[in-house]
Amino acid sequence: MAKLLRFKDILEMDGQSPLDQKPLSLNDMHSTEYRPGEDELTNYRAYRRKRAYGVGTGEGGYVGESVDAVEALNVQQRMARSRMIKRIKNKLSLGRRRAKMKMADKGKLEKRAQKAARKLIVKKITKDLPKEKLSMARKAEIEKRLDKPAVKARIKMLAKRLLPKVRKAEVERKKGQ
């Protein structure tokens, strides 16, 4: 097979034979790099992360991989996340079905207890008003209040108290199957 030669390659040869040149890579065939200055593998992984996760600049990870959110999502990010979830809804439902078959582990139960504790505190703050009826600004304000150290400590204590109830509910769920 004949070797492809570009004008750029001819200029760089400096009197060498075209057969002495290294073979062209895929990056030589196209004009842009996903992340200029990075090696091929880093570029490829960043590209795959962006494709799989759907939003951002290639940071973050695959679905199921924990990514610490530092700040709340804006409207554009929410829309992108929504499209991504719609695209992978079948995978998610399959995962949910598989998870239902198993007994939840200790970490998952603790997470559920934490969530229940947060719900109790939100209920107290909003005076039994459902979270769905709150405006985005009010929700953000409540989330900000929940992130304060004193409230976090209270949530942790409540979660510890709720853990036996959550575990009992999980055992009941498994018995019912």
Foldseek 3Di string as FASTA:
>chain_A
DDADDDPVNVVPQVPPDPVPDDGDDPPVVDDDFLDPPDDPVVRVQLVVQCVQQQDDSSDDGHPPDDDDDPDDDDPVVVVRNVVNCVVCVVVVVVVVVVVLQDQDDPVVLLVVLLVVLLVVVVCVVVVNDDPVPDDPVVVRVSVVVCPDPVNVVVSNVSSVVCSVVSNVVSVVSNVVD
